[in-house]
């Protein structure tokens, strides 16, 4: 099914639909990016799930909206609004990086509404995010790439065009891979060229602590299944942050990808897909035979 705009009340969100089965609302990273971040990495899940790749509020091909609504709380509410608009009786949510913070905020604020939540490379507090990034950047090598990444983050609060956002993202990718010279970085850079980028949203969140998430104290209130995914070598969202989330939510599961940094869905794509399918299959949300061999843990 082709992508389309879905009216959620005060705005419209662009949704790219792939596959059939359990609806999985997929939230991209960023802020200021769009659903092309995942490229084709999640496509194997479309054999057992209906992937709903969303351009979040005011981003990508979604409608512009009042900047006063650009908050994690509102974007979390958008997830439930989208589910209602699409008349989804049962659905899961998968969020990565910035999208993981939205997914986690949604799990806390709307506990029990999704059938499951998958938090991929996320944090439960702004403190865990910024302190880890600063420490990792100080020791990141090679030095030439360290300075490129440092300058790109400094420029986030002044980016004016979609082309500038794409350039910043491309400059930061080596920091997000376990191997800064990983040849798959060039593949991802090429795939991201199809995206639609939102400098105004990036500037807004870069100036406000990337949403200022702070839900550690509320994690015990989450009453539906949660899977937390983390890369052992993630320089942005640490394994310790993932452990905080998994340890705070009753019954939450944690999978750590030992050879990945922030982009496990690309760095260890088969294992990433298997972990998501296994989790959904374990909770009876997809049939084991639909997931095939993916129901086995990596």
Protein backbone atom coordinates (compact mmCIF):
# COMPACT_ATOMS: atom_id res chain seq x y z
CA UNK A 1 0.00 0.00 0.00
CA UNK A 2 1.38 3.46 -0.84
CA UNK A 3 2.08 6.07 1.78
CA UNK A 4 -0.61 8.60 2.66
CA UNK A 5 -1.55 11.36 5.08
CA UNK A 6 -3.67 10.33 8.06
CA UNK A 7 -5.76 12.94 9.89
CA UNK A 8 -5.20 12.70 13.66
CA UNK A 9 -7.12 15.83 14.63
CA UNK A 10 -4.95 18.93 14.69
CA UNK A 11 -2.58 17.72 11.97
CA UNK A 12 -1.94 14.92 9.49
CA UNK A 13 0.84 12.34 9.70
CA UNK A 14 2.41 10.67 6.69
CA UNK A 15 2.40 6.87 6.98
CA UNK A 16 4.23 4.42 4.70
CA UNK A 17 2.53 0.99 4.93
CA UNK A 18 4.39 -2.27 4.33
CA UNK A 19 3.28 -5.87 4.78
CA UNK A 20 0.32 -7.42 6.56
CA UNK A 21 -0.42 -8.75 10.03
CA UNK A 22 0.01 -7.13 13.44
CA UNK A 23 0.22 -3.34 12.96
CA UNK A 24 3.55 -2.00 14.21
CA UNK A 25 3.79 1.78 14.43
CA UNK A 26 7.44 2.61 13.66
CA UNK A 27 8.89 5.90 14.94
CA UNK A 28 12.07 7.24 13.35
CA UNK A 29 15.01 8.89 15.06
CA UNK A 30 16.08 12.46 14.77
CA UNK A 31 14.58 14.87 15.46
CA UNK A 32 14.05 16.38 12.05
CA UNK A 33 14.33 13.13 10.06
CA UNK A 34 11.70 10.87 8.49
CA UNK A 35 10.84 7.20 7.98
CA UNK A 36 13.63 6.71 5.43
CA UNK A 37 16.01 6.41 8.38
CA UNK A 38 15.18 2.71 8.53
CA UNK A 39 15.45 2.26 4.78
CA UNK A 40 14.71 -1.39 4.02
CA UNK A 41 16.22 -2.70 7.27
CA UNK A 42 12.86 -3.61 8.80
CA UNK A 43 11.33 -5.07 5.65
CA UNK A 44 11.81 -8.71 6.78
CA UNK A 45 9.32 -7.97 9.57
CA UNK A 46 6.69 -7.21 6.95
CA UNK A 47 6.37 -10.98 6.42
CA UNK A 48 4.55 -11.20 9.76
CA UNK A 49 3.67 -7.57 10.61
CA UNK A 50 2.03 -4.57 9.00
CA UNK A 51 4.73 -1.93 9.33
CA UNK A 52 3.38 1.61 9.65
CA UNK A 53 6.42 3.81 9.13
CA UNK A 54 5.43 7.24 10.41
CA UNK A 55 6.84 10.67 9.68
CA UNK A 56 6.36 12.16 13.12
CA UNK A 57 4.67 15.49 13.79
CA UNK A 58 5.87 18.32 11.49
CA UNK A 59 8.57 16.09 10.03
CA UNK A 60 9.11 14.43 6.67
CA UNK A 61 5.98 14.47 4.54
CA UNK A 62 3.67 15.09 7.49
CA UNK A 63 1.79 18.39 7.70
CA UNK A 64 3.37 21.34 9.44
CA UNK A 65 1.93 22.10 12.88
CA UNK A 66 2.10 24.68 15.66
CA UNK A 67 5.64 24.64 17.16
CA UNK A 68 4.01 24.81 20.58
CA UNK A 69 2.97 21.19 19.99
CA UNK A 70 6.50 19.97 19.28
CA UNK A 71 6.95 18.03 22.52
CA UNK A 72 7.56 14.42 23.46
CA UNK A 73 4.24 14.39 25.29
CA UNK A 74 2.33 15.49 22.19
CA UNK A 75 4.20 13.14 19.89
CA UNK A 76 3.42 10.29 22.29
CA UNK A 77 -0.25 11.29 22.20
CA UNK A 78 -0.02 11.29 18.40
CA UNK A 79 0.69 7.55 18.50
CA UNK A 80 -2.63 6.83 20.20
CA UNK A 81 -4.39 9.33 17.94
CA UNK A 82 -2.96 7.59 14.88
CA UNK A 83 -4.08 4.18 16.17
CA UNK A 84 -7.61 5.53 16.63
CA UNK A 85 -7.64 7.15 13.20
CA UNK A 86 -6.57 3.85 11.61
CA UNK A 87 -9.07 1.94 13.78
CA UNK A 88 -6.37 -0.34 15.16
CA UNK A 89 -7.77 -2.61 17.86
CA UNK A 90 -4.33 -4.07 18.63
CA UNK A 91 -0.93 -2.69 17.71
CA UNK A 92 2.71 -2.53 18.77
CA UNK A 93 5.06 0.48 18.79
CA UNK A 94 8.73 0.41 17.75
CA UNK A 95 10.77 3.56 18.25
CA UNK A 96 14.47 4.13 17.60
CA UNK A 97 16.67 6.84 19.19
CA UNK A 98 14.51 10.00 19.34
CA UNK A 99 11.62 7.76 18.30
CA UNK A 100 12.50 5.45 21.21
CA UNK A 101 11.98 8.35 23.61
CA UNK A 102 8.58 9.01 22.03
CA UNK A 103 7.72 5.30 22.26
CA UNK A 104 8.80 5.16 25.91
CA UNK A 105 6.84 8.30 26.76
CA UNK A 106 3.83 6.71 25.05
CA UNK A 107 4.28 3.49 27.05
CA UNK A 108 4.32 5.50 30.29
CA UNK A 109 1.49 7.90 29.43
CA UNK A 110 -0.76 5.35 27.72
CA UNK A 111 0.12 2.15 29.54
CA UNK A 112 -1.85 -0.82 28.27
CA UNK A 113 -3.01 0.80 25.03
CA UNK A 114 -0.35 -0.78 22.81
CA UNK A 115 -0.08 -4.56 22.85
CA UNK A 116 3.69 -4.11 23.09
CA UNK A 117 6.42 -1.47 22.96
CA UNK A 118 9.93 -1.85 21.54
CA UNK A 119 12.48 0.73 22.71
CA UNK A 120 15.48 0.70 20.38
CA UNK A 121 18.55 2.70 21.47
CA UNK A 122 16.67 4.93 23.90
CA UNK A 123 17.01 6.58 27.30
CA UNK A 124 14.64 7.32 30.16
CA UNK A 125 16.21 10.65 31.12
CA UNK A 126 17.93 13.57 29.41
CA UNK A 127 20.75 13.24 31.96
CA UNK A 128 21.66 9.77 30.71
CA UNK A 129 21.69 10.95 27.11
CA UNK A 130 23.80 14.09 27.26
CA UNK A 131 26.40 12.90 29.77
CA UNK A 132 27.09 9.74 27.77
CA UNK A 133 27.38 11.56 24.44
CA UNK A 134 29.83 14.10 25.85
CA UNK A 135 32.03 11.42 27.42
CA UNK A 136 32.05 9.28 24.28
CA UNK A 137 32.81 12.20 21.99
CA UNK A 138 35.89 13.10 24.05
CA UNK A 139 37.44 9.70 23.32
CA UNK A 140 36.05 9.10 19.84
CA UNK A 141 38.64 8.30 17.18
CA UNK A 142 39.93 8.95 14.59
CA UNK A 143 40.50 12.59 15.50
CA UNK A 144 39.45 13.99 12.12
CA UNK A 145 36.06 12.33 12.45
CA UNK A 146 35.76 13.49 16.06
CA UNK A 147 36.01 17.11 14.97
CA UNK A 148 33.56 16.53 12.12
CA UNK A 149 31.00 15.05 14.52
CA UNK A 150 31.58 17.78 17.11
CA UNK A 151 31.02 20.53 14.55
CA UNK A 152 27.90 18.82 13.21
CA UNK A 153 26.27 18.81 16.65
CA UNK A 154 27.18 22.44 17.21
CA UNK A 155 25.45 23.29 13.92
CA UNK A 156 22.17 21.56 14.82
CA UNK A 157 20.80 24.69 16.50
CA UNK A 158 21.44 26.78 13.37
CA UNK A 159 20.50 24.41 10.51
CA UNK A 160 18.28 26.27 8.03
CA UNK A 161 17.67 23.93 5.10
CA UNK A 162 16.80 20.26 4.56
CA UNK A 163 20.11 19.87 2.78
CA UNK A 164 21.96 21.05 5.89
CA UNK A 165 20.12 18.51 8.05
CA UNK A 166 21.06 15.72 5.65
CA UNK A 167 24.68 16.86 5.71
CA UNK A 168 24.71 16.88 9.52
CA UNK A 169 23.22 13.40 9.64
CA UNK A 170 25.77 12.07 7.17
CA UNK A 171 28.60 13.65 9.18
CA UNK A 172 27.37 12.03 12.41
CA UNK A 173 26.94 8.48 11.08
CA UNK A 174 30.52 7.33 11.86
CA UNK A 175 29.87 8.13 15.53
CA UNK A 176 26.80 5.91 15.42
CA UNK A 177 28.53 2.80 14.06
CA UNK A 178 30.79 0.58 16.16
CA UNK A 179 33.39 0.84 13.38
CA UNK A 180 33.60 4.49 12.22
CA UNK A 181 34.93 3.24 8.88
CA UNK A 182 32.19 0.64 8.39
CA UNK A 183 31.47 0.42 4.62
CA UNK A 184 27.73 0.24 5.41
CA UNK A 185 27.91 3.90 6.43
CA UNK A 186 28.16 4.88 2.77
CA UNK A 187 25.17 2.67 1.95
CA UNK A 188 23.11 4.40 4.63
CA UNK A 189 24.23 7.82 3.46
CA UNK A 190 23.04 6.99 -0.03
CA UNK A 191 19.67 5.70 1.22
CA UNK A 192 19.05 8.79 3.33
CA UNK A 193 19.11 10.98 0.22
CA UNK A 194 15.45 10.01 -0.38
CA UNK A 195 14.38 11.54 2.93
CA UNK A 196 12.59 14.83 3.62
CA UNK A 197 14.26 16.74 6.44
CA UNK A 198 12.94 19.38 8.83
CA UNK A 199 15.51 21.92 10.05
CA UNK A 200 12.97 23.87 12.12
CA UNK A 201 12.11 20.77 14.17
CA UNK A 202 15.79 19.90 14.60
CA UNK A 203 16.63 23.43 15.79
CA UNK A 204 13.70 23.39 18.23
CA UNK A 205 14.67 20.13 19.94
CA UNK A 206 18.43 20.77 19.83
CA UNK A 207 17.79 23.94 21.84
CA UNK A 208 15.54 22.15 24.37
CA UNK A 209 17.44 19.05 25.48
CA UNK A 210 16.03 16.90 22.67
CA UNK A 211 12.67 16.78 24.42
CA UNK A 212 13.95 16.63 27.98
CA UNK A 213 12.70 13.11 28.64
CA UNK A 214 12.44 12.19 32.33
CA UNK A 215 10.31 9.10 32.97
CA UNK A 216 12.50 6.95 35.23
CA UNK A 217 10.15 7.30 38.19
CA UNK A 218 7.14 6.35 36.04
CA UNK A 219 8.55 3.16 34.51
CA UNK A 220 6.98 0.78 37.09
CA UNK A 221 3.53 1.92 35.93
CA UNK A 222 3.95 0.36 32.46
CA UNK A 223 1.75 -2.73 32.35
CA UNK A 224 2.20 -4.11 28.85
CA UNK A 225 5.11 -6.09 27.33
CA UNK A 226 8.24 -4.06 26.58
CA UNK A 227 11.40 -5.03 24.72
CA UNK A 228 14.52 -2.89 25.12
CA UNK A 229 17.22 -3.11 22.43
CA UNK A 230 20.73 -1.70 22.84
CA UNK A 231 24.11 -1.77 21.13
CA UNK A 232 27.03 -2.63 23.41
CA UNK A 233 29.18 0.07 21.78
CA UNK A 234 26.48 2.76 21.46
CA UNK A 235 28.07 6.18 21.97
CA UNK A 236 24.71 7.95 22.22
CA UNK A 237 22.36 5.76 24.29
CA UNK A 238 24.33 3.58 26.68
CA UNK A 239 23.68 0.00 27.72
CA UNK A 240 23.33 1.35 31.26
CA UNK A 241 20.45 3.53 30.06
CA UNK A 242 18.83 0.47 28.47
CA UNK A 243 19.27 -1.45 31.73
CA UNK A 244 17.55 1.37 33.60
CA UNK A 245 14.53 1.09 31.31
CA UNK A 246 14.38 -2.72 31.36
CA UNK A 247 14.96 -2.84 35.11
CA UNK A 248 12.26 -0.27 35.83
CA UNK A 249 9.43 -1.82 33.80
CA UNK A 250 7.93 -5.01 35.26
CA UNK A 251 8.72 -8.00 33.04
CA UNK A 252 10.60 -6.00 30.40
CA UNK A 253 13.08 -7.87 28.23
CA UNK A 254 16.53 -6.62 27.25
CA UNK A 255 18.61 -7.64 24.21
CA UNK A 256 22.13 -6.25 23.79
CA UNK A 257 23.81 -6.47 20.38
CA UNK A 258 27.47 -7.03 21.14
CA UNK A 259 28.89 -5.83 17.79
CA UNK A 260 26.73 -2.74 17.36
CA UNK A 261 26.70 0.90 18.35
CA UNK A 262 23.63 3.09 17.78
CA UNK A 263 22.53 1.52 14.49
CA UNK A 264 21.96 -2.13 15.44
CA UNK A 265 19.10 -2.36 12.94
CA UNK A 266 21.75 -1.88 10.23
CA UNK A 267 24.90 -3.23 11.93
CA UNK A 268 23.34 -6.54 13.06
CA UNK A 269 20.17 -6.46 10.98
CA UNK A 270 19.31 -10.20 10.98
CA UNK A 271 19.73 -10.46 14.76
CA UNK A 272 17.75 -7.25 15.27
CA UNK A 273 14.83 -8.54 13.20
CA UNK A 274 14.94 -11.93 14.93
CA UNK A 275 14.83 -10.28 18.35
CA UNK A 276 11.77 -8.18 17.48
CA UNK A 277 9.96 -11.14 15.89
CA UNK A 278 10.84 -13.43 18.80
CA UNK A 279 9.48 -10.93 21.30
CA UNK A 280 6.22 -10.45 19.41
CA UNK A 281 5.88 -14.19 18.89
CA UNK A 282 6.56 -14.94 22.57
CA UNK A 283 3.68 -12.68 23.55
CA UNK A 284 1.33 -14.22 21.01
CA UNK A 285 1.15 -11.13 18.84
CA UNK A 286 2.36 -12.88 15.69
CA UNK A 287 2.28 -16.56 14.79
CA UNK A 288 5.55 -18.42 15.14
CA UNK A 289 5.15 -19.93 11.68
CA UNK A 290 4.81 -16.43 10.21
CA UNK A 291 8.05 -15.32 11.82
CA UNK A 292 9.86 -18.46 10.61
CA UNK A 293 13.37 -18.84 12.02
CA UNK A 294 13.19 -15.30 13.38
CA UNK A 295 11.55 -16.55 16.58
CA UNK A 296 14.95 -17.74 17.78
CA UNK A 297 17.02 -15.39 19.90
CA UNK A 298 20.35 -14.29 18.39
